[in-house]
Amino acid sequence: MCRAVRVVRSGDTGYLRASKYFSVPRGTLERYVKNTSRSPEELVNVHLGRRTVLLSKLENKLLEYGIIRTKDTVD
C-alpha cells in the first residue's frame, strides 16, 4: 500500500492502474493519497478499533493460562 501511495503521489500513474498493479482497494488508495499531512507509513500503520483494556503482558499471561486450562480439561 505504501508503494502504491508513493507512485500515485509522484504522478507516475493513476488510482485505478496503481490499485490493480499493487492489488489494493482503489477507494482506500485514493483516501490515503489525498491525506497529504501524513506519510504513507503513518497512514498504513493506524490502529483501528477500540483500545485494549489490559496490558499486553497481562493479556499474554491470561492467554497462556487459558491454553493450560483447555489442555487440562481435554485430557
PDB file of N, CA and C in Angstrom:
ATOM      1  N   MET A   1       0.827  -1.183   0.000  1.00  0.00           N
ATOM      2  CA  MET A   1       0.000   0.000   0.000  1.00  0.00           C
ATOM      3  C   MET A   1       0.876   1.253   0.000  1.00  0.00           C
ATOM      4  N   CYS A   2       1.960   1.219   0.775  1.00  0.00           N
ATOM      5  CA  CYS A   2       2.853   2.386   0.837  1.00  0.00           C
ATOM      6  C   CYS A   2       3.433   2.705  -0.532  1.00  0.00           C
ATOM      7  N   ARG A   3       3.857   1.669  -1.233  1.00  0.00           N
ATOM      8  CA  ARG A   3       4.433   1.899  -2.559  1.00  0.00           C
ATOM      9  C   ARG A   3       3.388   2.445  -3.511  1.00  0.00           C
ATOM     10  N   ALA A   4       2.171   1.954  -3.418  1.00  0.00           N
ATOM     11  CA  ALA A   4       1.092   2.439  -4.286  1.00  0.00           C
ATOM     12  C   ALA A   4       0.823   3.917  -4.020  1.00  0.00           C
ATOM     13  N   VAL A   5       0.799   4.310  -2.764  1.00  0.00           N
ATOM     14  CA  VAL A   5       0.573   5.711  -2.413  1.00  0.00           C
ATOM     15  C   VAL A   5       1.688   6.584  -2.973  1.00  0.00           C
ATOM     16  N   ARG A   6       2.932   6.130  -2.819  1.00  0.00           N
ATOM     17  CA  ARG A   6       4.071   6.911  -3.331  1.00  0.00           C
ATOM     18  C   ARG A   6       4.002   7.075  -4.846  1.00  0.00           C
ATOM     19  N   VAL A   7       3.641   6.010  -5.556  1.00  0.00           N
ATOM     20  CA  VAL A   7       3.593   6.058  -7.018  1.00  0.00           C
ATOM     21  C   VAL A   7       2.522   7.036  -7.486  1.00  0.00           C
ATOM     22  N   VAL A   8       1.352   6.991  -6.864  1.00  0.00           N
ATOM     23  CA  VAL A   8       0.268   7.888  -7.270  1.00  0.00           C
ATOM     24  C   VAL A   8       0.602   9.326  -6.888  1.00  0.00           C
ATOM     25  N   ARG A   9       1.166   9.534  -5.699  1.00  0.00           N
ATOM     26  CA  ARG A   9       1.537  10.893  -5.289  1.00  0.00           C
ATOM     27  C   ARG A   9       2.599  11.500  -6.195  1.00  0.00           C
ATOM     28  N   SER A  10       3.495  10.665  -6.711  1.00  0.00           N
ATOM     29  CA  SER A  10       4.538  11.187  -7.596  1.00  0.00           C
ATOM     30  C   SER A  10       3.990  11.517  -8.979  1.00  0.00           C
ATOM     31  N   GLY A  11       2.803  11.032  -9.289  1.00  0.00           N
ATOM     32  CA  GLY A  11       2.193  11.334 -10.578  1.00  0.00           C
ATOM     33  C   GLY A  11       2.566  10.359 -11.676  1.00  0.00           C
ATOM     34  N   ASP A  12       3.247   9.269 -11.332  1.00  0.00           N
ATOM     35  CA  ASP A  12       3.648   8.284 -12.334  1.00  0.00           C
ATOM     36  C   ASP A  12       2.462   7.513 -12.904  1.00  0.00           C
ATOM     37  N   THR A  13       1.439   7.307 -12.096  1.00  0.00           N
ATOM     38  CA  THR A  13       0.271   6.558 -12.551  1.00  0.00           C
ATOM     39  C   THR A  13      -0.968   7.032 -11.790  1.00  0.00           C
ATOM     40  N   GLY A  14      -2.124   6.584 -12.221  1.00  0.00           N
ATOM     41  CA  GLY A  14      -3.383   6.972 -11.592  1.00  0.00           C
ATOM     42  C   GLY A  14      -3.828   5.967 -10.546  1.00  0.00           C
ATOM     43  N   TYR A  15      -4.977   6.279  -9.927  1.00  0.00           N
ATOM     44  CA  TYR A  15      -5.513   5.428  -8.860  1.00  0.00           C
ATOM     45  C   TYR A  15      -5.843   4.030  -9.367  1.00  0.00           C
ATOM     46  N   LEU A  16      -6.548   3.954 -10.462  1.00  0.00           N
ATOM     47  CA  LEU A  16      -7.025   2.671 -10.947  1.00  0.00           C
ATOM     48  C   LEU A  16      -5.873   1.746 -11.330  1.00  0.00           C
ATOM     49  N   ARG A  17      -4.937   2.253 -12.086  1.00  0.00           N
ATOM     50  CA  ARG A  17      -3.804   1.427 -12.510  1.00  0.00           C
ATOM     51  C   ARG A  17      -2.967   0.976 -11.306  1.00  0.00           C
ATOM     52  N   ALA A  18      -2.716   1.888 -10.372  1.00  0.00           N
ATOM     53  CA  ALA A  18      -1.930   1.529  -9.185  1.00  0.00           C
ATOM     54  C   ALA A  18      -2.672   0.514  -8.319  1.00  0.00           C
ATOM     55  N   SER A  19      -3.984   0.685  -8.180  1.00  0.00           N
ATOM     56  CA  SER A  19      -4.742  -0.254  -7.352  1.00  0.00           C
ATOM     57  C   SER A  19      -4.729  -1.651  -7.954  1.00  0.00           C
ATOM     58  N   LYS A  20      -4.804  -1.742  -9.266  1.00  0.00           N
ATOM     59  CA  LYS A  20      -4.743  -3.065  -9.906  1.00  0.00           C
ATOM     60  C   LYS A  20      -3.336  -3.657  -9.825  1.00  0.00           C
ATOM     61  N   TYR A  21      -2.327  -2.830 -10.065  1.00  0.00           N
ATOM     62  CA  TYR A  21      -0.954  -3.326 -10.073  1.00  0.00           C
ATOM     63  C   TYR A  21      -0.517  -3.804  -8.686  1.00  0.00           C
ATOM     64  N   PHE A  22      -0.859  -3.035  -7.635  1.00  0.00           N
ATOM     65  CA  PHE A  22      -0.439  -3.380  -6.279  1.00  0.00           C
ATOM     66  C   PHE A  22      -1.492  -4.197  -5.519  1.00  0.00           C
ATOM     67  N   SER A  23      -2.629  -4.477  -6.174  1.00  0.00           N
ATOM     68  CA  SER A  23      -3.716  -5.266  -5.571  1.00  0.00           C
ATOM     69  C   SER A  23      -4.206  -4.666  -4.253  1.00  0.00           C
ATOM     70  N   VAL A  24      -4.536  -3.374  -4.307  1.00  0.00           N
ATOM     71  CA  VAL A  24      -5.082  -2.686  -3.139  1.00  0.00           C
ATOM     72  C   VAL A  24      -6.413  -2.042  -3.530  1.00  0.00           C
ATOM     73  N   PRO A  25      -7.311  -1.830  -2.576  1.00  0.00           N
ATOM     74  CA  PRO A  25      -8.589  -1.204  -2.892  1.00  0.00           C
ATOM     75  C   PRO A  25      -8.406   0.229  -3.402  1.00  0.00           C
ATOM     76  N   ARG A  26      -9.086   0.550  -4.505  1.00  0.00           N
ATOM     77  CA  ARG A  26      -8.929   1.865  -5.122  1.00  0.00           C
ATOM     78  C   ARG A  26      -9.409   2.982  -4.203  1.00  0.00           C
ATOM     79  N   GLY A  27     -10.523   2.784  -3.528  1.00  0.00           N
ATOM     80  CA  GLY A  27     -11.057   3.816  -2.643  1.00  0.00           C
ATOM     81  C   GLY A  27     -10.126   4.134  -1.481  1.00  0.00           C
ATOM     82  N   THR A  28      -9.556   3.098  -0.903  1.00  0.00           N
ATOM     83  CA  THR A  28      -8.612   3.287   0.198  1.00  0.00           C
ATOM     84  C   THR A  28      -7.366   3.996  -0.295  1.00  0.00           C
ATOM     85  N   LEU A  29      -6.872   3.585  -1.455  1.00  0.00           N
ATOM     86  CA  LEU A  29      -5.697   4.221  -2.035  1.00  0.00           C
ATOM     87  C   LEU A  29      -5.958   5.703  -2.290  1.00  0.00           C
ATOM     88  N   GLU A  30      -7.116   6.001  -2.828  1.00  0.00           N
ATOM     89  CA  GLU A  30      -7.471   7.390  -3.110  1.00  0.00           C
ATOM     90  C   GLU A  30      -7.520   8.215  -1.824  1.00  0.00           C
ATOM     91  N   ARG A  31      -8.099   7.653  -0.779  1.00  0.00           N
ATOM     92  CA  ARG A  31      -8.193   8.358   0.501  1.00  0.00           C
ATOM     93  C   ARG A  31      -6.806   8.604   1.089  1.00  0.00           C
ATOM     94  N   TYR A  32      -5.914   7.616   1.001  1.00  0.00           N
ATOM     95  CA  TYR A  32      -4.561   7.768   1.520  1.00  0.00           C
ATOM     96  C   TYR A  32      -3.765   8.804   0.731  1.00  0.00           C
ATOM     97  N   VAL A  33      -3.942   8.817  -0.571  1.00  0.00           N
ATOM     98  CA  VAL A  33      -3.207   9.768  -1.414  1.00  0.00           C
ATOM     99  C   VAL A  33      -3.654  11.198  -1.119  1.00  0.00           C
ATOM    100  N   LYS A  34      -4.947  11.388  -0.899  1.00  0.00           N
ATOM    101  CA  LYS A  34      -5.464  12.736  -0.643  1.00  0.00           C
ATOM    102  C   LYS A  34      -5.062  13.266   0.728  1.00  0.00           C
ATOM    103  N   ASN A  35      -4.733  12.390   1.669  1.00  0.00           N
ATOM    104  CA  ASN A  35      -4.303  12.809   3.001  1.00  0.00           C
ATOM    105  C   ASN A  35      -2.802  13.101   2.953  1.00  0.00           C
ATOM    106  N   THR A  36      -2.449  14.319   2.585  1.00  0.00           N
ATOM    107  CA  THR A  36      -1.040  14.679   2.405  1.00  0.00           C
ATOM    108  C   THR A  36      -0.357  15.084   3.703  1.00  0.00           C
ATOM    109  N   SER A  37      -1.097  15.168   4.792  1.00  0.00           N
ATOM    110  CA  SER A  37      -0.492  15.582   6.062  1.00  0.00           C
ATOM    111  C   SER A  37       0.311  14.463   6.717  1.00  0.00           C
ATOM    112  N   ARG A  38       0.131  13.219   6.258  1.00  0.00           N
ATOM    113  CA  ARG A  38       0.832  12.083   6.844  1.00  0.00           C
ATOM    114  C   ARG A  38       1.603  11.325   5.774  1.00  0.00           C
ATOM    115  N   SER A  39       2.667  10.659   6.205  1.00  0.00           N
ATOM    116  CA  SER A  39       3.442   9.828   5.283  1.00  0.00           C
ATOM    117  C   SER A  39       2.666   8.535   5.020  1.00  0.00           C
ATOM    118  N   PRO A  40       2.978   7.837   3.930  1.00  0.00           N
ATOM    119  CA  PRO A  40       2.282   6.575   3.658  1.00  0.00           C
ATOM    120  C   PRO A  40       2.423   5.561   4.782  1.00  0.00           C
ATOM    121  N   GLU A  41       3.582   5.517   5.416  1.00  0.00           N
ATOM    122  CA  GLU A  41       3.784   4.565   6.507  1.00  0.00           C
ATOM    123  C   GLU A  41       2.863   4.865   7.684  1.00  0.00           C
ATOM    124  N   GLU A  42       2.701   6.144   8.004  1.00  0.00           N
ATOM    125  CA  GLU A  42       1.817   6.521   9.113  1.00  0.00           C
ATOM    126  C   GLU A  42       0.371   6.168   8.788  1.00  0.00           C
ATOM    127  N   LEU A  43      -0.033   6.360   7.548  1.00  0.00           N
ATOM    128  CA  LEU A  43      -1.409   6.069   7.155  1.00  0.00           C
ATOM    129  C   LEU A  43      -1.707   4.580   7.243  1.00  0.00           C
ATOM    130  N   VAL A  44      -0.759   3.760   6.827  1.00  0.00           N
ATOM    131  CA  VAL A  44      -0.979   2.318   6.795  1.00  0.00           C
ATOM    132  C   VAL A  44      -0.936   1.718   8.193  1.00  0.00           C
ATOM    133  N   ASN A  45      -0.134   2.263   9.097  1.00  0.00           N
ATOM    134  CA  ASN A  45       0.049   1.686  10.426  1.00  0.00           C
ATOM    135  C   ASN A  45      -0.897   2.237  11.483  1.00  0.00           C
ATOM    136  N   VAL A  46      -2.028   2.767  11.087  1.00  0.00           N
ATOM    137  CA  VAL A  46      -3.019   3.269  12.033  1.00  0.00           C
ATOM    138  C   VAL A  46      -3.765   2.086  12.633  1.00  0.00           C
ATOM    139  N   HIS A  47      -3.886   2.066  13.955  1.00  0.00           N
ATOM    140  CA  HIS A  47      -4.616   1.004  14.638  1.00  0.00           C
ATOM    141  C   HIS A  47      -6.086   1.376  14.689  1.00  0.00           C
ATOM    142  N   LEU A  48      -6.918   0.518  14.163  1.00  0.00           N
ATOM    143  CA  LEU A  48      -8.352   0.756  14.145  1.00  0.00           C
ATOM    144  C   LEU A  48      -9.023   0.034  15.304  1.00  0.00           C
ATOM    145  N   GLY A  49     -10.200   0.475  15.651  1.00  0.00           N
ATOM    146  CA  GLY A  49     -10.965  -0.192  16.692  1.00  0.00           C
ATOM    147  C   GLY A  49     -10.706   0.375  18.071  1.00  0.00           C
ATOM    148  N   ARG A  50     -11.214  -0.322  19.031  1.00  0.00           N
ATOM    149  CA  ARG A  50     -11.083   0.128  20.411  1.00  0.00           C
ATOM    150  C   ARG A  50      -9.683  -0.125  20.942  1.00  0.00           C
ATOM    151  N   ARG A  51      -9.312   0.676  21.913  1.00  0.00           N
ATOM    152  CA  ARG A  51      -8.031   0.463  22.584  1.00  0.00           C
ATOM    153  C   ARG A  51      -8.169  -0.713  23.537  1.00  0.00           C
ATOM    154  N   THR A  52      -7.054  -1.382  23.777  1.00  0.00           N
ATOM    155  CA  THR A  52      -7.097  -2.532  24.669  1.00  0.00           C
ATOM    156  C   THR A  52      -7.217  -2.083  26.115  1.00  0.00           C
ATOM    157  N   VAL A  53      -7.876  -2.898  26.904  1.00  0.00           N
ATOM    158  CA  VAL A  53      -8.073  -2.589  28.314  1.00  0.00           C
ATOM    159  C   VAL A  53      -6.905  -3.128  29.120  1.00  0.00           C
ATOM    160  N   LEU A  54      -6.461  -4.310  28.777  1.00  0.00           N
ATOM    161  CA  LEU A  54      -5.375  -4.963  29.505  1.00  0.00           C
ATOM    162  C   LEU A  54      -4.026  -4.640  28.881  1.00  0.00           C
ATOM    163  N   LEU A  55      -3.004  -4.642  29.705  1.00  0.00           N
ATOM    164  CA  LEU A  55      -1.656  -4.525  29.176  1.00  0.00           C
ATOM    165  C   LEU A  55      -1.331  -5.801  28.411  1.00  0.00           C
ATOM    166  N   SER A  56      -0.500  -5.702  27.392  1.00  0.00           N
ATOM    167  CA  SER A  56      -0.208  -6.869  26.565  1.00  0.00           C
ATOM    168  C   SER A  56       0.437  -7.987  27.369  1.00  0.00           C
ATOM    169  N   LYS A  57       1.241  -7.634  28.389  1.00  0.00           N
ATOM    170  CA  LYS A  57       1.881  -8.649  29.228  1.00  0.00           C
ATOM    171  C   LYS A  57       0.821  -9.460  29.973  1.00  0.00           C
ATOM    172  N   LEU A  58      -0.155  -8.783  30.560  1.00  0.00           N
ATOM    173  CA  LEU A  58      -1.226  -9.467  31.284  1.00  0.00           C
ATOM    174  C   LEU A  58      -2.098 -10.273  30.326  1.00  0.00           C
ATOM    175  N   GLU A  59      -2.354  -9.716  29.158  1.00  0.00           N
ATOM    176  CA  GLU A  59      -3.160 -10.424  28.167  1.00  0.00           C
ATOM    177  C   GLU A  59      -2.481 -11.737  27.749  1.00  0.00           C
ATOM    178  N   ASN A  60      -1.174 -11.695  27.559  1.00  0.00           N
ATOM    179  CA  ASN A  60      -0.435 -12.905  27.200  1.00  0.00           C
ATOM    180  C   ASN A  60      -0.469 -13.941  28.318  1.00  0.00           C
ATOM    181  N   LYS A  61      -0.384 -13.490  29.576  1.00  0.00           N
ATOM    182  CA  LYS A  61      -0.465 -14.412  30.710  1.00  0.00           C
ATOM    183  C   LYS A  61      -1.835 -15.088  30.761  1.00  0.00           C
ATOM    184  N   LEU A  62      -2.892 -14.306  30.526  1.00  0.00           N
ATOM    185  CA  LEU A  62      -4.236 -14.877  30.516  1.00  0.00           C
ATOM    186  C   LEU A  62      -4.399 -15.879  29.380  1.00  0.00           C
ATOM    187  N   LEU A  63      -3.821 -15.581  28.245  1.00  0.00           N
ATOM    188  CA  LEU A  63      -3.873 -16.495  27.111  1.00  0.00           C
ATOM    189  C   LEU A  63      -3.174 -17.807  27.440  1.00  0.00           C
ATOM    190  N   GLU A  64      -1.985 -17.711  28.023  1.00  0.00           N
ATOM    191  CA  GLU A  64      -1.260 -18.919  28.425  1.00  0.00           C
ATOM    192  C   GLU A  64      -2.068 -19.729  29.430  1.00  0.00           C
ATOM    193  N   TYR A  65      -2.676 -19.054  30.398  1.00  0.00           N
ATOM    194  CA  TYR A  65      -3.495 -19.728  31.402  1.00  0.00           C
ATOM    195  C   TYR A  65      -4.675 -20.434  30.743  1.00  0.00           C
ATOM    196  N   GLY A  66      -5.302 -19.763  29.801  1.00  0.00           N
ATOM    197  CA  GLY A  66      -6.435 -20.374  29.097  1.00  0.00           C
ATOM    198  C   GLY A  66      -6.029 -21.602  28.315  1.00  0.00           C
ATOM    199  N   ILE A  67      -4.865 -21.544  27.696  1.00  0.00           N
ATOM    200  CA  ILE A  67      -4.367 -22.699  26.934  1.00  0.00           C
ATOM    201  C   ILE A  67      -4.085 -23.861  27.872  1.00  0.00           C
ATOM    202  N   ILE A  68      -3.472 -23.577  29.022  1.00  0.00           N
ATOM    203  CA  ILE A  68      -3.175 -24.627  30.001  1.00  0.00           C
ATOM    204  C   ILE A  68      -4.470 -25.241  30.520  1.00  0.00           C
ATOM    205  N   ARG A  69      -5.445 -24.415  30.843  1.00  0.00           N
ATOM    206  CA  ARG A  69      -6.728 -24.909  31.367  1.00  0.00           C
ATOM    207  C   ARG A  69      -7.452 -25.755  30.319  1.00  0.00           C
ATOM    208  N   THR A  70      -7.374 -25.353  29.067  1.00  0.00           N
ATOM    209  CA  THR A  70      -8.024 -26.118  27.994  1.00  0.00           C
ATOM    210  C   THR A  70      -7.372 -27.492  27.855  1.00  0.00           C
ATOM    211  N   LYS A  71      -6.041 -27.532  27.934  1.00  0.00           N
ATOM    212  CA  LYS A  71      -5.333 -28.806  27.850  1.00  0.00           C
ATOM    213  C   LYS A  71      -5.705 -29.711  29.022  1.00  0.00           C
ATOM    214  N   ASP A  72      -5.877 -29.110  30.214  1.00  0.00           N
ATOM    215  CA  ASP A  72      -6.228 -29.892  31.403  1.00  0.00           C
ATOM    216  C   ASP A  72      -7.602 -30.513  31.271  1.00  0.00           C
ATOM    217  N   THR A  73      -8.560 -29.800  30.703  1.00  0.00           N
ATOM    218  CA  THR A  73      -9.933 -30.315  30.607  1.00  0.00           C
ATOM    219  C   THR A  73     -10.080 -31.314  29.478  1.00  0.00           C
ATOM    220  N   VAL A  74      -9.241 -31.217  28.452  1.00  0.00           N
ATOM    221  CA  VAL A  74      -9.314 -32.141  27.336  1.00  0.00           C
ATOM    222  C   VAL A  74      -8.724 -33.493  27.709  1.00  0.00           C
ATOM    223  N   ASP A  75      -7.680 -33.479  28.511  1.00  0.00           N
ATOM    224  CA  ASP A  75      -7.003 -34.742  28.889  1.00  0.00           C
ATOM    225  C   ASP A  75      -7.784 -35.556  29.850  1.00  0.00           C
TER     226      ASP A  75
END
